[in-house]
Protein backbone atom coordinates (compact mmCIF):
# COMPACT_ATOMS: atom_id res chain seq x y z
CA MET A 1 -19.42 82.21 -65.70
CA ARG A 2 -22.31 81.29 -63.44
CA PHE A 3 -20.02 78.78 -61.68
CA LEU A 4 -17.26 81.29 -61.01
CA TYR A 5 -18.71 82.81 -57.82
CA PRO A 6 -19.30 79.49 -56.01
CA TYR A 7 -15.82 78.36 -57.05
CA CYS A 8 -14.29 81.50 -55.56
CA VAL A 9 -16.22 80.96 -52.33
CA VAL A 10 -14.90 77.40 -52.07
CA VAL A 11 -11.34 78.57 -52.68
CA LEU A 12 -11.72 81.32 -50.06
CA ILE A 13 -13.06 78.84 -47.49
CA LEU A 14 -10.23 76.41 -48.16
CA SER A 15 -7.62 79.16 -47.96
CA THR A 16 -9.04 80.45 -44.69
CA THR A 17 -9.07 76.94 -43.24
CA GLN A 18 -5.46 76.41 -44.25
CA LEU A 19 -4.44 79.67 -42.60
CA LEU A 20 -6.19 78.70 -39.37
CA GLN A 21 -4.53 75.30 -39.41
CA ALA A 22 -1.14 76.89 -40.02
CA ALA A 23 -1.49 78.92 -36.82
CA GLU A 24 -1.89 75.80 -34.69
CA MET A 25 0.99 73.83 -33.28
CA LEU A 26 1.34 70.36 -34.72
CA TYR A 27 3.93 68.51 -32.58
CA PRO A 28 5.76 70.77 -30.12
CA LEU A 29 8.74 68.98 -28.59
CA SER A 30 10.84 71.66 -26.91
CA VAL A 31 10.36 75.14 -25.47
CA ALA A 32 12.85 77.92 -24.69
CA ALA A 33 12.25 81.10 -22.73
CA THR A 34 13.79 84.01 -20.92
CA ASP A 35 12.14 85.93 -18.10
CA LYS A 36 10.96 88.49 -20.64
CA GLY A 37 10.15 88.34 -24.34
CA PRO A 38 8.66 85.62 -26.52
CA LEU A 39 8.80 81.88 -26.06
CA TYR A 40 10.29 79.71 -28.78
CA VAL A 41 8.87 76.28 -29.49
CA ALA A 42 10.41 73.55 -31.67
CA ASP A 43 7.65 71.81 -33.65
CA ARG A 44 8.73 68.53 -35.27
CA LYS A 45 5.83 68.45 -37.74
CA LEU A 46 5.71 72.11 -38.74
CA PRO A 47 8.67 71.64 -39.22
CA GLY A 48 10.35 74.59 -37.57
CA ILE A 49 10.07 77.02 -34.67
CA TRP A 50 7.17 79.05 -33.33
CA SER A 51 7.41 82.28 -31.39
CA VAL A 52 4.72 82.77 -28.76
CA GLU A 53 3.67 86.12 -27.30
CA GLN A 54 0.55 86.94 -25.32
CA GLY A 55 -0.94 83.54 -26.02
CA LYS A 56 -0.52 83.78 -29.80
CA ALA A 57 1.78 81.58 -31.88
CA ALA A 58 3.45 82.77 -35.07
CA SER A 59 6.02 81.08 -37.24
CA TYR A 60 9.56 82.15 -36.34
CA PHE A 61 11.05 79.82 -38.96
CA THR A 62 9.30 77.22 -41.09
CA GLY A 63 11.56 74.65 -42.69
CA SER A 64 11.06 72.49 -45.73
CA LYS A 65 9.36 69.09 -45.84
CA VAL A 66 12.38 67.90 -47.82
CA PHE A 67 14.70 65.64 -45.83
CA ARG A 68 18.26 66.87 -45.22
CA THR A 69 17.18 70.51 -45.18
CA PRO A 70 17.57 72.78 -42.13
CA LEU A 71 15.14 72.03 -39.28
CA ASN A 72 13.29 69.39 -41.29
CA ALA A 73 13.51 67.20 -38.17
CA VAL A 74 13.94 69.80 -35.43
CA ARG A 75 14.28 68.25 -31.97
CA CYS A 76 15.12 71.03 -29.56
CA VAL A 77 15.38 74.77 -29.12
CA THR A 78 17.19 77.04 -26.67
CA ILE A 79 18.40 80.63 -26.32
CA ASP A 80 22.06 81.59 -26.03
CA ASN A 81 23.64 84.20 -23.78
CA GLU A 82 23.09 86.91 -26.40
CA GLY A 83 19.41 86.12 -26.84
CA ARG A 84 19.84 84.25 -30.13
CA VAL A 85 17.75 81.18 -30.92
CA LEU A 86 19.50 77.82 -31.28
CA ALA A 87 17.90 74.65 -32.64
CA GLY A 88 19.05 71.03 -32.99
CA ASP A 89 18.03 69.13 -36.12
CA SER A 90 18.48 65.40 -36.70
CA SER A 91 17.69 65.65 -40.42
CA THR A 92 20.94 67.51 -41.10
CA ARG A 93 22.75 66.27 -37.97
CA ASP A 94 23.50 69.79 -36.83
CA VAL A 95 22.77 72.67 -34.46
CA TYR A 96 21.68 75.96 -35.98
CA ARG A 97 21.83 79.55 -34.76
CA PHE A 98 19.56 82.41 -35.81
CA GLU A 99 21.44 85.71 -35.66
CA LYS A 100 18.13 87.58 -35.53
CA ALA A 101 14.45 87.14 -36.26
CA GLY A 102 13.85 86.55 -39.94
CA ALA A 103 17.42 85.41 -40.60
CA GLN A 104 18.30 82.06 -42.12
CA PRO A 105 19.62 79.43 -39.68
CA GLN A 106 23.40 79.10 -39.63
CA PRO A 107 24.86 75.57 -39.14
CA LEU A 108 27.45 75.37 -36.38
CA THR A 109 29.07 71.91 -36.71
CA ASN A 110 29.00 71.00 -40.42
CA GLY A 111 26.90 67.92 -39.70
CA GLY A 112 29.05 66.81 -36.79
CA ILE A 113 26.28 65.51 -34.50
CA GLY A 114 24.06 62.44 -34.88
CA ILE A 115 20.70 63.10 -33.23
CA PRO A 116 20.85 66.34 -31.21
CA MET A 117 18.21 65.86 -28.51
CA ASP A 118 18.96 68.95 -26.41
CA VAL A 119 21.31 71.93 -26.23
CA VAL A 120 22.45 74.06 -23.29
CA VAL A 121 24.75 77.07 -23.27
CA LEU A 122 27.66 77.52 -20.86
CA LYS A 123 28.57 80.88 -19.35
CA ASN A 124 31.44 81.24 -21.83
CA GLY A 125 29.04 80.69 -24.74
CA ASP A 126 30.10 77.15 -25.64
CA LEU A 127 27.33 74.63 -26.26
CA LEU A 128 26.75 71.19 -24.79
CA VAL A 129 24.66 68.90 -27.00
CA SER A 130 23.19 65.48 -26.18
CA ASP A 131 23.55 63.01 -29.05
CA LEU A 132 21.11 60.10 -28.87
CA GLU A 133 22.67 58.30 -31.82
CA LEU A 134 26.31 58.35 -30.73
CA HIS A 135 25.60 58.17 -26.97
CA GLN A 136 27.66 61.10 -25.87
CA ILE A 137 27.61 64.77 -24.93
CA TRP A 138 29.40 67.07 -27.34
CA LYS A 139 30.97 70.44 -26.64
CA VAL A 140 30.65 72.93 -29.51
CA PRO A 141 32.63 76.21 -29.58
CA ALA A 142 30.51 79.34 -29.18
CA ALA A 143 31.46 80.48 -32.68
CA GLY A 144 30.77 77.04 -34.13
CA GLY A 145 33.26 74.43 -35.27
CA LYS A 146 34.12 70.78 -34.82
CA PRO A 147 32.44 69.21 -31.77
CA THR A 148 34.66 67.62 -29.13
CA LEU A 149 33.73 64.89 -26.68
CA PHE A 150 32.60 66.21 -23.29
CA ALA A 151 31.27 62.98 -21.75
CA LYS A 152 30.12 59.50 -22.70
CA VAL A 153 26.49 58.98 -21.63
CA GLU A 154 24.22 56.19 -22.85
CA ALA A 155 20.97 57.32 -24.52
CA PRO A 156 21.15 60.99 -23.45
CA ARG A 157 18.03 63.12 -23.87
CA GLY A 158 17.21 66.29 -21.97
CA LEU A 159 19.89 68.54 -20.47
CA ALA A 160 20.04 71.26 -17.84
CA LEU A 161 22.77 73.27 -16.13
CA ASP A 162 22.80 74.09 -12.44
CA GLN A 163 24.35 77.19 -10.88
CA ALA A 164 27.77 75.51 -10.65
CA GLU A 165 27.58 74.53 -14.34
CA ASN A 166 27.15 70.85 -13.59
CA LEU A 167 25.28 69.25 -16.47
CA TRP A 168 22.18 67.22 -15.57
CA VAL A 169 21.31 64.55 -18.13
CA VAL A 170 18.19 62.45 -18.61
CA SER A 171 19.26 58.98 -19.74
CA GLY A 172 17.20 56.17 -21.25
CA THR A 173 19.26 53.43 -19.66
CA ALA A 174 19.82 51.81 -16.25
CA ASP A 175 20.15 55.04 -14.21
CA GLN A 176 17.77 57.67 -15.53
CA LEU A 177 19.20 60.92 -14.16
CA LEU A 178 22.90 61.70 -14.22
CA LYS A 179 25.15 64.64 -13.46
CA VAL A 180 28.34 65.58 -15.33
CA SER A 181 30.83 67.88 -13.61
CA PRO A 182 32.50 70.72 -15.55
CA ASP A 183 35.54 68.47 -16.03
CA GLY A 184 33.43 65.71 -17.59
CA LYS A 185 33.06 63.26 -14.70
CA VAL A 186 29.73 61.41 -14.66
CA SER A 187 27.83 60.58 -11.46
CA VAL A 188 24.36 59.20 -10.75
CA VAL A 189 21.63 61.44 -9.31
CA VAL A 190 18.70 59.00 -9.52
CA LYS A 191 19.55 55.31 -9.34
CA GLY A 192 17.46 52.81 -11.23
CA ARG A 193 14.32 53.51 -13.26
CA PRO A 194 11.61 55.23 -11.19
CA PHE A 195 10.39 57.10 -14.28
CA ASN A 196 8.37 55.47 -17.04
CA PHE A 197 9.65 57.46 -20.05
CA PRO A 198 11.64 60.54 -18.97
CA HIS A 199 12.39 63.25 -21.52
CA ASP A 200 13.77 66.42 -19.99
CA VAL A 201 15.00 68.06 -16.81
CA VAL A 202 15.28 71.49 -15.20
CA VAL A 203 17.21 72.32 -12.03
CA LEU A 204 15.69 74.59 -9.37
CA ASP A 205 17.48 77.13 -7.18
CA ASP A 206 17.36 74.89 -4.12
CA GLY A 207 19.22 72.07 -5.88
CA SER A 208 16.17 69.94 -6.58
CA ALA A 209 15.05 69.13 -10.12
CA ILE A 210 11.94 68.53 -12.20
CA VAL A 211 11.80 65.68 -14.75
CA SER A 212 9.14 65.29 -17.43
CA ASP A 213 7.68 61.81 -17.98
CA GLY A 214 5.61 61.34 -21.11
CA TYR A 215 4.15 57.92 -20.37
CA GLU A 216 3.15 58.88 -16.83
CA LYS A 217 1.70 62.23 -18.02
CA ALA A 218 3.64 63.75 -15.16
CA LEU A 219 6.34 66.01 -13.85
CA TRP A 220 8.46 64.44 -11.13
CA LYS A 221 10.23 66.29 -8.32
CA VAL A 222 13.76 65.05 -7.59
CA ALA A 223 15.11 66.06 -4.19
CA ALA A 224 18.76 66.91 -3.63
CA ASP A 225 19.33 63.41 -2.20
CA GLY A 226 17.96 61.77 -5.38
CA THR A 227 14.58 60.69 -4.00
CA THR A 228 11.65 61.12 -6.39
CA GLU A 229 7.94 61.84 -6.17
CA LYS A 230 5.29 62.85 -8.68
CA TRP A 231 4.85 66.61 -8.55
CA VAL A 232 2.07 67.23 -11.10
CA SER A 233 0.32 64.50 -13.12
CA GLY A 234 -2.73 63.77 -15.24
CA GLU A 235 -4.88 66.21 -17.16
CA PRO A 236 -4.29 68.52 -18.89
CA PHE A 237 -1.00 66.74 -19.65
CA ILE A 238 -1.16 64.10 -22.37
CA ASN A 239 2.52 63.61 -23.19
CA PRO A 240 4.78 66.18 -21.49
CA VAL A 241 8.16 66.22 -23.24
CA GLY A 242 10.35 69.34 -23.32
CA ILE A 243 10.53 71.55 -20.24
CA THR A 244 12.28 74.77 -19.27
CA ARG A 245 12.14 77.43 -16.58
CA GLN A 246 10.62 80.88 -16.91
CA GLY A 247 11.15 82.64 -13.61
CA GLN A 248 9.64 80.37 -10.97
CA ASN A 249 7.37 78.58 -13.45
CA ILE A 250 8.00 75.41 -15.45
CA LEU A 251 7.01 75.51 -19.12
CA VAL A 252 6.02 72.20 -20.70
CA ALA A 253 5.82 71.35 -24.41
CA ASP A 254 3.23 68.62 -24.97
CA PRO A 255 3.12 67.28 -28.55
CA HIS A 256 -0.12 65.33 -28.06
CA ALA A 257 -1.93 68.24 -26.45
CA LYS A 258 -0.39 70.45 -29.20
CA THR A 259 0.35 73.26 -26.80
CA VAL A 260 2.67 74.63 -24.12
CA PHE A 261 1.66 74.60 -20.46
CA SER A 262 2.95 76.69 -17.58
CA VAL A 263 3.12 75.26 -14.05
CA ASP A 264 3.57 77.66 -11.13
CA PRO A 265 5.20 76.79 -7.78
CA GLU A 266 1.75 75.99 -6.33
CA LYS A 267 1.33 73.39 -9.12
CA ASN A 268 -1.37 75.32 -10.96
CA VAL A 269 -1.30 74.42 -14.66
CA SER A 270 -2.32 76.87 -17.40
CA ASP A 271 -2.38 76.57 -21.18
CA LEU A 272 -0.29 79.38 -22.67
CA LEU A 273 -2.06 79.20 -26.03
CA LYS A 274 -5.57 79.65 -24.71
CA PRO A 275 -7.03 82.99 -23.57
């Protein structure tokens, strides 16, 4: 009995440590936001999705470590027109929708996508999904169902829609930034390979765009004529990957920094998970 008290103390310390570790992001790849409300962050190593409010992260959905289970290999997260969370998962080759907080994720394509790298939502509610494995952009009905081909694009990664519902696509091949018209015609925005390892893109109101570049630890500005320049680079970025807009700010998921940054129009960078 004399060893019981120290044993309990050890167990308590270990449990507390585990709880603290569980509240920290492990490998955030993608971030979704609206102008109001929580952020949602896809964490590949959680695996699952965090919700972030007032600088605090809490688990929105934590998947299983078992392969071929929902969100075991989550790659991306977004929010649909009704405020519901969507997530792409390469483990089950599907896109999932959460009807509400606390609900189980509902598969939308019955495993009809290879590696879903990003998802955007059209005004009519349909989804466009980049598939890195099959080298194409899929269209998925708003209610779910069999994906149909929207456009063939080599090595597609991040996606963004502009005000005219043109789809901007980051590509890992010869021309690194493309645009797909609503009728599926592909054109080049940025010729050649000025970026080192581009991941994601957002489109600004003036027609310019921002591209994240993990190897350069940078965000690039792409002018309307396709010319590029580094916009923000270096610390505190380590490997900026997924980006999205929140108002006039750019949110950046950085898996190596294990956090989400916010960059304002004056290029000031703040860590959203630090007070």
